[in-house]
Amino acid sequence: MSKELNLFKELFAPYPNIAILHINNNLDLINDTLEEVKKENEGNIKYIPFIDESSAKLRATAREYEYVVLGDILSYCPNKDKILKLMYKAIENSGNIIILEKKEKSDRFETTQLLENIGFQAANYIDLFEDYDLFTAKKMHHWDNGL
C-alpha cells in the first residue's frame, strides 16, 4: 500500500502554505499522506466529516484551497453537480480536485462527465487503489466558468 500512497502523494504540487480541504466519509486511508503533504509545505488541512450531502455544502470563500479531496462522498449525494459546483468555487485558479469513490459505487463515465460539465479541465480516472476509484481534475482560470 505504501507504493500507492507515494504515487497518491505525487498528485500534490509543492505549494508553500498549501491549503487542502478534505471532506471525508471515514476514508482514513489517505489521512497520513495528506498530513505529510501539509507538513512538507507548511500548509493547512481543513477536515470536514461527511454525514450527508448537507455536510458537504461549504460556505467557503472563493478560491480558498489549492486542493479539494472528496473521500468517498459523491455516491452518497443526490445532487452531485451542486456539490461539485461548490468545490469548483472553493478551489484556487489552477487548483485541483481529487475524488476517491468505492469501486462498487463509482460510475467512472458519470464522474468524469460531471467534472467536465462543471468546468473542470483534464478530468482523469486513475486506477491506483484496489478498492477505490481515483479521479483528478484541474480548475483553469478563464477556461470555462470563470470564478
C-alpha atoms as a PDB file:
ATOM      1  CA  MET A   1       0.000   0.000   0.000  1.00  0.00           C
ATOM      2  CA  SER A   2       2.911   2.388   0.592  1.00  0.00           C
ATOM      3  CA  LYS A   3       3.672   2.402  -3.157  1.00  0.00           C
ATOM      4  CA  GLU A   4       0.110   3.509  -3.906  1.00  0.00           C
ATOM      5  CA  LEU A   5       0.213   6.183  -1.222  1.00  0.00           C
ATOM      6  CA  ASN A   6       3.536   7.511  -2.543  1.00  0.00           C
ATOM      7  CA  LEU A   7       2.006   7.770  -6.009  1.00  0.00           C
ATOM      8  CA  PHE A   8      -1.053   9.477  -4.497  1.00  0.00           C
ATOM      9  CA  LYS A   9       1.250  11.970  -2.777  1.00  0.00           C
ATOM     10  CA  GLU A  10       2.738  12.890  -6.157  1.00  0.00           C
ATOM     11  CA  LEU A  11      -0.638  14.355  -7.161  1.00  0.00           C
ATOM     12  CA  PHE A  12       0.193  17.317  -4.911  1.00  0.00           C
ATOM     13  CA  ALA A  13       2.471  20.030  -6.258  1.00  0.00           C
ATOM     14  CA  PRO A  14       4.797  21.693  -3.722  1.00  0.00           C
ATOM     15  CA  TYR A  15       2.840  24.859  -2.881  1.00  0.00           C
ATOM     16  CA  PRO A  16       4.232  26.845   0.080  1.00  0.00           C
ATOM     17  CA  ASN A  17       1.453  27.248   2.650  1.00  0.00           C
ATOM     18  CA  ILE A  18      -0.704  24.731   0.769  1.00  0.00           C
ATOM     19  CA  ALA A  19      -4.394  24.796   1.647  1.00  0.00           C
ATOM     20  CA  ILE A  20      -6.237  21.485   1.392  1.00  0.00           C
ATOM     21  CA  LEU A  21      -9.891  20.736   2.054  1.00  0.00           C
ATOM     22  CA  HIS A  22     -10.699  17.096   2.797  1.00  0.00           C
ATOM     23  CA  ILE A  23     -14.348  16.092   3.074  1.00  0.00           C
ATOM     24  CA  ASN A  24     -14.142  12.564   4.354  1.00  0.00           C
ATOM     25  CA  ASN A  25     -16.615   9.699   4.712  1.00  0.00           C
ATOM     26  CA  ASN A  26     -14.481   7.548   7.026  1.00  0.00           C
ATOM     27  CA  LEU A  27     -11.851   7.056   4.309  1.00  0.00           C
ATOM     28  CA  ASP A  28      -8.804   7.223   6.568  1.00  0.00           C
ATOM     29  CA  LEU A  29      -6.549   5.533   4.011  1.00  0.00           C
ATOM     30  CA  ILE A  30      -5.079   8.854   2.816  1.00  0.00           C
ATOM     31  CA  ASN A  31      -5.048  10.907   6.034  1.00  0.00           C
ATOM     32  CA  ASP A  32      -1.394  10.255   6.922  1.00  0.00           C
ATOM     33  CA  THR A  33      -0.321  11.091   3.365  1.00  0.00           C
ATOM     34  CA  LEU A  34      -2.271  14.359   3.450  1.00  0.00           C
ATOM     35  CA  GLU A  35      -0.603  15.204   6.760  1.00  0.00           C
ATOM     36  CA  GLU A  36       2.818  14.606   5.141  1.00  0.00           C
ATOM     37  CA  VAL A  37       1.919  16.970   2.279  1.00  0.00           C
ATOM     38  CA  LYS A  38       0.754  19.563   4.815  1.00  0.00           C
ATOM     39  CA  LYS A  39       3.938  19.287   6.871  1.00  0.00           C
ATOM     40  CA  GLU A  40       6.311  19.368   3.883  1.00  0.00           C
ATOM     41  CA  ASN A  41       4.635  22.509   2.536  1.00  0.00           C
ATOM     42  CA  GLU A  42       3.927  24.201   5.876  1.00  0.00           C
ATOM     43  CA  GLY A  43       0.272  24.234   4.944  1.00  0.00           C
ATOM     44  CA  ASN A  44      -3.159  23.656   6.376  1.00  0.00           C
ATOM     45  CA  ILE A  45      -5.815  20.999   6.002  1.00  0.00           C
ATOM     46  CA  LYS A  46      -9.447  21.556   6.830  1.00  0.00           C
ATOM     47  CA  TYR A  47     -11.159  18.250   7.574  1.00  0.00           C
ATOM     48  CA  ILE A  48     -14.926  18.020   7.281  1.00  0.00           C
ATOM     49  CA  PRO A  49     -16.550  14.749   8.307  1.00  0.00           C
ATOM     50  CA  PHE A  50     -19.208  13.666   5.819  1.00  0.00           C
ATOM     51  CA  ILE A  51     -22.561  12.827   7.344  1.00  0.00           C
ATOM     52  CA  ASP A  52     -24.869  13.574   4.445  1.00  0.00           C
ATOM     53  CA  GLU A  53     -24.985  15.906   1.455  1.00  0.00           C
ATOM     54  CA  SER A  54     -25.647  18.960   3.614  1.00  0.00           C
ATOM     55  CA  SER A  55     -22.339  18.453   5.445  1.00  0.00           C
ATOM     56  CA  ALA A  56     -20.532  18.922   2.103  1.00  0.00           C
ATOM     57  CA  LYS A  57     -22.231  22.237   1.347  1.00  0.00           C
ATOM     58  CA  LEU A  58     -19.482  24.739   2.053  1.00  0.00           C
ATOM     59  CA  ARG A  59     -19.594  28.339   2.903  1.00  0.00           C
ATOM     60  CA  ALA A  60     -16.073  28.642   1.586  1.00  0.00           C
ATOM     61  CA  THR A  61     -14.560  31.798   0.255  1.00  0.00           C
ATOM     62  CA  ALA A  62     -13.962  31.716  -3.479  1.00  0.00           C
ATOM     63  CA  ARG A  63     -10.533  30.338  -4.387  1.00  0.00           C
ATOM     64  CA  GLU A  64      -9.665  29.325  -0.817  1.00  0.00           C
ATOM     65  CA  TYR A  65      -7.965  25.944  -1.444  1.00  0.00           C
ATOM     66  CA  GLU A  66      -5.283  24.635  -3.791  1.00  0.00           C
ATOM     67  CA  TYR A  67      -6.675  21.114  -3.405  1.00  0.00           C
ATOM     68  CA  VAL A  68     -10.062  19.692  -2.546  1.00  0.00           C
ATOM     69  CA  VAL A  69     -10.141  15.986  -1.716  1.00  0.00           C
ATOM     70  CA  LEU A  70     -13.503  14.219  -1.607  1.00  0.00           C
ATOM     71  CA  GLY A  71     -13.125  10.933   0.246  1.00  0.00           C
ATOM     72  CA  ASP A  72     -15.952   8.594  -0.774  1.00  0.00           C
ATOM     73  CA  ILE A  73     -18.801  11.104  -0.634  1.00  0.00           C
ATOM     74  CA  LEU A  74     -20.122  11.657  -4.164  1.00  0.00           C
ATOM     75  CA  SER A  75     -22.024   8.381  -4.447  1.00  0.00           C
ATOM     76  CA  TYR A  76     -23.986   9.416  -1.333  1.00  0.00           C
ATOM     77  CA  CYS A  77     -25.020  12.807  -2.771  1.00  0.00           C
ATOM     78  CA  PRO A  78     -28.165  13.007  -4.890  1.00  0.00           C
ATOM     79  CA  ASN A  79     -27.081  16.457  -6.136  1.00  0.00           C
ATOM     80  CA  LYS A  80     -23.530  15.683  -7.234  1.00  0.00           C
ATOM     81  CA  ASP A  81     -23.461  18.623  -9.632  1.00  0.00           C
ATOM     82  CA  LYS A  82     -24.296  21.115  -6.870  1.00  0.00           C
ATOM     83  CA  ILE A  83     -21.576  19.699  -4.618  1.00  0.00           C
ATOM     84  CA  LEU A  84     -19.001  19.861  -7.421  1.00  0.00           C
ATOM     85  CA  LYS A  85     -20.008  23.463  -8.236  1.00  0.00           C
ATOM     86  CA  LEU A  86     -19.356  24.423  -4.610  1.00  0.00           C
ATOM     87  CA  MET A  87     -15.965  22.708  -4.785  1.00  0.00           C
ATOM     88  CA  TYR A  88     -15.186  24.494  -8.056  1.00  0.00           C
ATOM     89  CA  LYS A  89     -15.798  27.831  -6.366  1.00  0.00           C
ATOM     90  CA  ALA A  90     -13.641  26.883  -3.368  1.00  0.00           C
ATOM     91  CA  ILE A  91     -10.607  25.907  -5.479  1.00  0.00           C
ATOM     92  CA  GLU A  92      -7.891  28.377  -6.488  1.00  0.00           C
ATOM     93  CA  ASN A  93      -7.418  29.037 -10.183  1.00  0.00           C
ATOM     94  CA  SER A  94      -5.191  26.218 -11.455  1.00  0.00           C
ATOM     95  CA  GLY A  95      -6.048  24.248  -8.305  1.00  0.00           C
ATOM     96  CA  ASN A  96      -7.110  20.599  -8.286  1.00  0.00           C
ATOM     97  CA  ILE A  97      -9.902  18.340  -7.160  1.00  0.00           C
ATOM     98  CA  ILE A  98      -9.207  14.738  -6.173  1.00  0.00           C
ATOM     99  CA  ILE A  99     -12.110  12.348  -5.752  1.00  0.00           C
ATOM    100  CA  LEU A 100     -11.985   8.855  -4.311  1.00  0.00           C
ATOM    101  CA  GLU A 101     -15.048   6.591  -4.562  1.00  0.00           C
ATOM    102  CA  LYS A 102     -15.575   2.949  -3.674  1.00  0.00           C
ATOM    103  CA  LYS A 103     -15.284   0.971  -6.881  1.00  0.00           C
ATOM    104  CA  GLU A 104     -18.598  -0.823  -6.435  1.00  0.00           C
ATOM    105  CA  LYS A 105     -20.449   2.519  -6.127  1.00  0.00           C
ATOM    106  CA  SER A 106     -18.457   4.515  -8.666  1.00  0.00           C
ATOM    107  CA  ASP A 107     -19.531   5.366 -12.205  1.00  0.00           C
ATOM    108  CA  ARG A 108     -16.319   6.395 -13.983  1.00  0.00           C
ATOM    109  CA  PHE A 109     -18.019   7.880 -17.025  1.00  0.00           C
ATOM    110  CA  GLU A 110     -20.574   9.839 -14.999  1.00  0.00           C
ATOM    111  CA  THR A 111     -17.938  11.299 -12.678  1.00  0.00           C
ATOM    112  CA  THR A 112     -15.595  12.450 -15.439  1.00  0.00           C
ATOM    113  CA  GLN A 113     -18.557  13.900 -17.388  1.00  0.00           C
ATOM    114  CA  LEU A 114     -19.784  15.758 -14.297  1.00  0.00           C
ATOM    115  CA  LEU A 115     -16.346  17.247 -13.707  1.00  0.00           C
ATOM    116  CA  GLU A 116     -16.126  18.430 -17.309  1.00  0.00           C
ATOM    117  CA  ASN A 117     -19.694  19.780 -17.282  1.00  0.00           C
ATOM    118  CA  ILE A 118     -18.953  21.836 -14.161  1.00  0.00           C
ATOM    119  CA  GLY A 119     -15.936  23.405 -15.890  1.00  0.00           C
ATOM    120  CA  PHE A 120     -13.022  21.361 -14.597  1.00  0.00           C
ATOM    121  CA  GLN A 121     -10.340  20.584 -17.172  1.00  0.00           C
ATOM    122  CA  ALA A 122      -8.273  17.446 -17.788  1.00  0.00           C
ATOM    123  CA  ALA A 123     -10.627  15.166 -15.860  1.00  0.00           C
ATOM    124  CA  ASN A 124      -8.896  11.814 -15.421  1.00  0.00           C
ATOM    125  CA  TYR A 125      -9.566   8.442 -13.894  1.00  0.00           C
ATOM    126  CA  ILE A 126      -6.539   6.783 -12.280  1.00  0.00           C
ATOM    127  CA  ASP A 127      -6.614   3.112 -11.273  1.00  0.00           C
ATOM    128  CA  LEU A 128      -4.371   3.389  -8.225  1.00  0.00           C
ATOM    129  CA  PHE A 129      -6.107   1.814  -5.237  1.00  0.00           C
ATOM    130  CA  GLU A 130      -7.569  -1.674  -5.113  1.00  0.00           C
ATOM    131  CA  ASP A 131     -10.903  -0.677  -3.552  1.00  0.00           C
ATOM    132  CA  TYR A 132     -11.273   2.938  -4.687  1.00  0.00           C
ATOM    133  CA  ASP A 133     -11.553   4.755  -7.995  1.00  0.00           C
ATOM    134  CA  LEU A 134      -9.489   7.939  -8.140  1.00  0.00           C
ATOM    135  CA  PHE A 135     -10.426  10.958 -10.239  1.00  0.00           C
ATOM    136  CA  THR A 136      -8.498  14.181 -10.701  1.00  0.00           C
ATOM    137  CA  ALA A 137      -9.291  17.417 -12.497  1.00  0.00           C
ATOM    138  CA  LYS A 138      -7.979  20.960 -12.658  1.00  0.00           C
ATOM    139  CA  LYS A 139      -9.660  24.347 -12.408  1.00  0.00           C
ATOM    140  CA  MET A 140      -8.254  26.602 -15.101  1.00  0.00           C
ATOM    141  CA  HIS A 141      -8.882  30.341 -14.953  1.00  0.00           C
ATOM    142  CA  HIS A 142     -10.886  31.701 -17.910  1.00  0.00           C
ATOM    143  CA  TRP A 143     -11.295  28.258 -19.474  1.00  0.00           C
ATOM    144  CA  ASP A 144     -14.950  27.815 -18.677  1.00  0.00           C
ATOM    145  CA  ASN A 145     -16.926  29.085 -15.730  1.00  0.00           C
ATOM    146  CA  GLY A 146     -14.598  31.879 -14.681  1.00  0.00           C
ATOM    147  CA  LEU A 147     -14.505  32.485 -10.940  1.00  0.00           C
END
